[in-house]
C-alpha atoms as a PDB file:
ATOM      1  CA  MET A   1      24.015   5.490  -9.868  1.00  0.00           C
ATOM      2  CA  ALA A   2      21.829   3.479  -7.550  1.00  0.00           C
ATOM      3  CA  GLU A   3      21.130  -0.115  -8.443  1.00  0.00           C
ATOM      4  CA  SER A   4      17.402   0.028  -7.815  1.00  0.00           C
ATOM      5  CA  ILE A   5      14.583   2.299  -6.819  1.00  0.00           C
ATOM      6  CA  VAL A   6      13.434   1.558  -3.284  1.00  0.00           C
ATOM      7  CA  LEU A   7       9.774   2.081  -2.398  1.00  0.00           C
ATOM      8  CA  TYR A   8       8.549   1.891   1.193  1.00  0.00           C
ATOM      9  CA  THR A   9       4.773   1.872   1.588  1.00  0.00           C
ATOM     10  CA  ASP A  10       2.274   1.840   4.428  1.00  0.00           C
ATOM     11  CA  GLY A  11      -1.429   2.274   4.902  1.00  0.00           C
ATOM     12  CA  GLY A  12      -3.627   2.680   7.918  1.00  0.00           C
ATOM     13  CA  ASN A  13      -6.883   3.809   9.376  1.00  0.00           C
ATOM     14  CA  ARG A  14      -8.264   4.888  12.704  1.00  0.00           C
ATOM     15  CA  ASN A  15     -11.095   2.420  13.049  1.00  0.00           C
ATOM     16  CA  THR A  16     -13.528   3.645  15.688  1.00  0.00           C
ATOM     17  CA  GLY A  17     -15.803   0.650  15.059  1.00  0.00           C
ATOM     18  CA  ASN A  18     -13.245  -1.789  16.440  1.00  0.00           C
ATOM     19  CA  GLN A  19     -14.204  -1.258  20.073  1.00  0.00           C
ATOM     20  CA  ALA A  20     -17.547  -2.886  19.389  1.00  0.00           C
ATOM     21  CA  GLY A  21     -16.057  -5.422  16.994  1.00  0.00           C
ATOM     22  CA  GLY A  22     -17.441  -3.405  14.118  1.00  0.00           C
ATOM     23  CA  SER A  23     -15.950  -2.497  10.790  1.00  0.00           C
ATOM     24  CA  VAL A  24     -14.582   0.796   9.540  1.00  0.00           C
ATOM     25  CA  ARG A  25     -17.071   3.639   9.770  1.00  0.00           C
ATOM     26  CA  PRO A  26     -17.532   6.188   6.957  1.00  0.00           C
ATOM     27  CA  THR A  27     -16.145   8.926   9.228  1.00  0.00           C
ATOM     28  CA  ASP A  28     -12.981   7.023  10.194  1.00  0.00           C
ATOM     29  CA  LYS A  29      -9.747   8.623   8.992  1.00  0.00           C
ATOM     30  CA  SER A  30      -7.585   6.599   6.604  1.00  0.00           C
ATOM     31  CA  ALA A  31      -4.280   7.336   4.894  1.00  0.00           C
ATOM     32  CA  TRP A  32      -1.404   5.897   2.896  1.00  0.00           C
ATOM     33  CA  ALA A  33       2.214   6.914   2.458  1.00  0.00           C
ATOM     34  CA  ALA A  34       4.942   5.983  -0.001  1.00  0.00           C
ATOM     35  CA  LEU A  35       8.627   6.834   0.269  1.00  0.00           C
ATOM     36  CA  LEU A  36      10.625   6.703  -2.978  1.00  0.00           C
ATOM     37  CA  ILE A  37      14.400   6.413  -2.672  1.00  0.00           C
ATOM     38  CA  TYR A  38      16.858   6.443  -5.560  1.00  0.00           C
ATOM     39  CA  GLY A  39      20.476   7.095  -4.682  1.00  0.00           C
ATOM     40  CA  ASP A  40      20.551  10.362  -2.739  1.00  0.00           C
ATOM     41  CA  HIS A  41      17.072  11.367  -3.897  1.00  0.00           C
ATOM     42  CA  GLU A  42      13.979  10.878  -1.753  1.00  0.00           C
ATOM     43  CA  LYS A  43      10.340  11.761  -2.196  1.00  0.00           C
ATOM     44  CA  MET A  44       7.556  11.186   0.338  1.00  0.00           C
ATOM     45  CA  LEU A  45       3.982  10.937  -0.914  1.00  0.00           C
ATOM     46  CA  SER A  46       0.881  10.665   1.252  1.00  0.00           C
ATOM     47  CA  ASP A  47      -2.848  11.221   1.037  1.00  0.00           C
ATOM     48  CA  GLY A  48      -5.900  10.525   3.118  1.00  0.00           C
ATOM     49  CA  ASP A  49      -9.558   9.637   2.872  1.00  0.00           C
ATOM     50  CA  TYR A  50     -12.412   8.551   5.091  1.00  0.00           C
ATOM     51  CA  GLY A  51     -13.939   5.141   5.657  1.00  0.00           C
ATOM     52  CA  ARG A  52     -11.236   3.082   3.945  1.00  0.00           C
ATOM     53  CA  THR A  53      -9.872  -0.116   5.444  1.00  0.00           C
ATOM     54  CA  ASN A  54      -6.268  -0.641   6.414  1.00  0.00           C
ATOM     55  CA  ASN A  55      -5.867  -3.160   3.566  1.00  0.00           C
ATOM     56  CA  TYR A  56      -7.346  -0.707   1.055  1.00  0.00           C
ATOM     57  CA  MET A  57      -4.794   1.904   2.073  1.00  0.00           C
ATOM     58  CA  GLU A  58      -1.910  -0.608   2.052  1.00  0.00           C
ATOM     59  CA  ILE A  59      -2.649  -1.445  -1.601  1.00  0.00           C
ATOM     60  CA  MET A  60      -3.248   2.221  -2.488  1.00  0.00           C
ATOM     61  CA  ALA A  61       0.181   3.143  -1.106  1.00  0.00           C
ATOM     62  CA  VAL A  62       1.909   0.737  -3.497  1.00  0.00           C
ATOM     63  CA  ILE A  63      -0.202   1.900  -6.464  1.00  0.00           C
ATOM     64  CA  GLN A  64       0.545   5.570  -5.801  1.00  0.00           C
ATOM     65  CA  GLY A  65       4.244   4.928  -5.202  1.00  0.00           C
ATOM     66  CA  LEU A  66       4.586   3.029  -8.472  1.00  0.00           C
ATOM     67  CA  LYS A  67       2.488   5.600 -10.365  1.00  0.00           C
ATOM     68  CA  ALA A  68       4.961   8.302  -9.315  1.00  0.00           C
ATOM     69  CA  LEU A  69       7.833   6.489 -11.028  1.00  0.00           C
ATOM     70  CA  LYS A  70       8.516   7.540 -14.605  1.00  0.00           C
ATOM     71  CA  ARG A  71      11.475   5.210 -15.265  1.00  0.00           C
ATOM     72  CA  THR A  72      10.351   1.622 -15.747  1.00  0.00           C
ATOM     73  CA  ASP A  73      13.731   0.212 -16.794  1.00  0.00           C
ATOM     74  CA  ILE A  74      15.281   0.474 -13.319  1.00  0.00           C
ATOM     75  CA  PRO A  75      14.544  -2.420 -10.908  1.00  0.00           C
ATOM     76  CA  VAL A  76      12.119  -1.545  -8.105  1.00  0.00           C
ATOM     77  CA  ASP A  77      12.194  -3.013  -4.602  1.00  0.00           C
ATOM     78  CA  VAL A  78       8.898  -2.548  -2.758  1.00  0.00           C
ATOM     79  CA  TYR A  79       8.957  -2.838   1.043  1.00  0.00           C
ATOM     80  CA  SER A  80       5.704  -3.162   2.993  1.00  0.00           C
ATOM     81  CA  ASP A  81       4.682  -4.360   6.442  1.00  0.00           C
ATOM     82  CA  SER A  82       1.406  -5.650   4.970  1.00  0.00           C
ATOM     83  CA  ALA A  83       1.346  -9.453   4.788  1.00  0.00           C
ATOM     84  CA  TYR A  84      -1.813  -9.045   2.657  1.00  0.00           C
ATOM     85  CA  VAL A  85       0.064  -7.093  -0.021  1.00  0.00           C
ATOM     86  CA  ILE A  86       3.325  -9.029   0.133  1.00  0.00           C
ATOM     87  CA  ASN A  87       1.732 -12.493   0.139  1.00  0.00           C
ATOM     88  CA  THR A  88      -0.599 -11.585  -2.721  1.00  0.00           C
ATOM     89  CA  MET A  89       2.329 -10.441  -4.849  1.00  0.00           C
ATOM     90  CA  GLN A  90       5.035 -12.929  -3.808  1.00  0.00           C
ATOM     91  CA  GLN A  91       2.737 -15.962  -3.829  1.00  0.00           C
ATOM     92  CA  ARG A  92       0.853 -14.694  -6.872  1.00  0.00           C
ATOM     93  CA  TRP A  93      -2.612 -15.147  -5.306  1.00  0.00           C
ATOM     94  CA  TRP A  94      -3.892 -12.729  -7.925  1.00  0.00           C
ATOM     95  CA  VAL A  95      -3.316 -15.311 -10.700  1.00  0.00           C
ATOM     96  CA  LYS A  96      -6.028 -17.594  -9.311  1.00  0.00           C
ATOM     97  CA  TRP A  97      -8.266 -14.593  -8.606  1.00  0.00           C
ATOM     98  CA  GLN A  98      -7.955 -13.523 -12.252  1.00  0.00           C
ATOM     99  CA  GLN A  99      -8.651 -17.055 -13.480  1.00  0.00           C
ATOM    100  CA  ASN A 100     -11.770 -17.162 -11.277  1.00  0.00           C
ATOM    101  CA  ASN A 101     -13.026 -13.789 -12.563  1.00  0.00           C
ATOM    102  CA  TRP A 102     -11.896 -12.016  -9.370  1.00  0.00           C
ATOM    103  CA  ARG A 103     -13.656 -14.443  -7.092  1.00  0.00           C
ATOM    104  CA  ASN A 104     -12.127 -16.377  -4.203  1.00  0.00           C
ATOM    105  CA  HIS A 105     -14.006 -19.383  -2.784  1.00  0.00           C
ATOM    106  CA  GLY A 106     -17.077 -18.169  -4.674  1.00  0.00           C
ATOM    107  CA  LYS A 107     -17.062 -14.682  -3.159  1.00  0.00           C
ATOM    108  CA  PRO A 108     -15.857 -11.474  -4.834  1.00  0.00           C
ATOM    109  CA  VAL A 109     -12.218 -10.711  -4.023  1.00  0.00           C
ATOM    110  CA  LYS A 110     -12.040  -7.779  -1.618  1.00  0.00           C
ATOM    111  CA  ASN A 111     -10.428  -4.713  -3.192  1.00  0.00           C
ATOM    112  CA  ALA A 112     -10.495  -6.363  -6.650  1.00  0.00           C
ATOM    113  CA  ALA A 113     -10.425  -3.012  -8.485  1.00  0.00           C
ATOM    114  CA  LEU A 114      -7.368  -1.958  -6.462  1.00  0.00           C
ATOM    115  CA  TRP A 115      -5.565  -5.241  -7.135  1.00  0.00           C
ATOM    116  CA  GLN A 116      -6.263  -4.771 -10.852  1.00  0.00           C
ATOM    117  CA  ALA A 117      -4.887  -1.207 -10.694  1.00  0.00           C
ATOM    118  CA  LEU A 118      -1.810  -2.470  -8.846  1.00  0.00           C
ATOM    119  CA  LEU A 119      -1.190  -5.178 -11.436  1.00  0.00           C
ATOM    120  CA  GLN A 120      -1.415  -2.542 -14.192  1.00  0.00           C
ATOM    121  CA  GLN A 121       1.330  -0.593 -12.426  1.00  0.00           C
ATOM    122  CA  VAL A 122       3.467  -3.690 -11.821  1.00  0.00           C
ATOM    123  CA  ASP A 123       3.221  -4.602 -15.522  1.00  0.00           C
ATOM    124  CA  ARG A 124       4.930  -1.305 -16.445  1.00  0.00           C
ATOM    125  CA  PHE A 125       8.220  -2.350 -14.846  1.00  0.00           C
ATOM    126  CA  GLU A 126      10.894  -4.659 -16.205  1.00  0.00           C
ATOM    127  CA  THR A 127      11.864  -5.848 -12.702  1.00  0.00           C
ATOM    128  CA  ILE A 128       9.919  -5.457  -9.467  1.00  0.00           C
ATOM    129  CA  ASN A 129      10.399  -7.301  -6.197  1.00  0.00           C
ATOM    130  CA  PHE A 130       8.231  -7.277  -3.083  1.00  0.00           C
ATOM    131  CA  HIS A 131       9.732  -7.550   0.407  1.00  0.00           C
ATOM    132  CA  LYS A 132       8.036  -7.930   3.802  1.00  0.00           C
ATOM    133  CA  VAL A 133       9.281  -5.774   6.660  1.00  0.00           C
ATOM    134  CA  LYS A 134       8.194  -5.950  10.271  1.00  0.00           C
ATOM    135  CA  GLY A 135       5.802  -3.134  11.154  1.00  0.00           C
ATOM    136  CA  HIS A 136       6.323  -0.805  14.109  1.00  0.00           C
ATOM    137  CA  ALA A 137       9.834  -2.165  14.637  1.00  0.00           C
ATOM    138  CA  THR A 138      13.344  -0.891  13.965  1.00  0.00           C
ATOM    139  CA  ASN A 139      13.123  -0.343  10.206  1.00  0.00           C
ATOM    140  CA  ARG A 140      13.721   3.404   9.893  1.00  0.00           C
ATOM    141  CA  ASN A 141      12.068   3.879   6.505  1.00  0.00           C
ATOM    142  CA  ASN A 142       9.026   1.805   7.464  1.00  0.00           C
ATOM    143  CA  ASN A 143       8.677   3.987  10.545  1.00  0.00           C
ATOM    144  CA  ARG A 144       8.971   7.089   8.354  1.00  0.00           C
ATOM    145  CA  VAL A 145       6.057   6.066   6.097  1.00  0.00           C
ATOM    146  CA  ASP A 146       4.024   5.125   9.175  1.00  0.00           C
ATOM    147  CA  ALA A 147       4.679   8.585  10.649  1.00  0.00           C
ATOM    148  CA  ALA A 148       3.788  10.270   7.348  1.00  0.00           C
ATOM    149  CA  LEU A 149       0.414   8.539   7.051  1.00  0.00           C
ATOM    150  CA  ASN A 150      -0.374   9.394  10.666  1.00  0.00           C
ATOM    151  CA  GLN A 151       0.470  13.057   9.987  1.00  0.00           C
ATOM    152  CA  THR A 152      -1.878  12.902   6.997  1.00  0.00           C
ATOM    153  CA  MET A 153      -4.671  11.500   9.178  1.00  0.00           C
ATOM    154  CA  ASP A 154      -3.951  14.194  11.787  1.00  0.00           C
ATOM    155  CA  ARG A 155      -4.565  16.832   9.091  1.00  0.00           C
ATOM    156  CA  LEU A 156      -7.908  15.355   8.042  1.00  0.00           C
ATOM    157  CA  ALA A 157     -10.876  17.203   9.511  1.00  0.00           C
ATOM    158  CA  ASP A 158     -12.857  15.334  12.139  1.00  0.00           C
ATOM    159  CA  HIS A 159     -16.258  14.185  10.951  1.00  0.00           C
ATOM    160  CA  ALA A 160     -18.826  14.112  13.713  1.00  0.00           C
END
């Protein structure tokens, strides 16, 4: 049997507001993907939405990947190219956010509801470790989740 469950996650969006320095528009395509690997078994999950930020989808990918796991007694290794996700979890930024009622420097923490949902998932597992991988590089499984979320965005209807 495999020693741990491996979860690769990625999120993205096609931000058309960036050209003008703007933020994500409600019609912009967004998607996440999660690849679960346990021994010889693999499962790819992906879904899309509109008007979500890259960071939103990065967090959503981890939530959905963890939600799909029924066994909580097997260690989980989460791999993401999102410094936002990895730093929050490895450096436990969320602890201070919780203590400050989900505020950071007096402002509401962005994606607070998602962070809370992620922490609920993390709490289910006996052992979970977060690892940073370089995006758009030579990591095959990171490239696979990136390709999957792009395929999901390709399938989303264009909103004029």
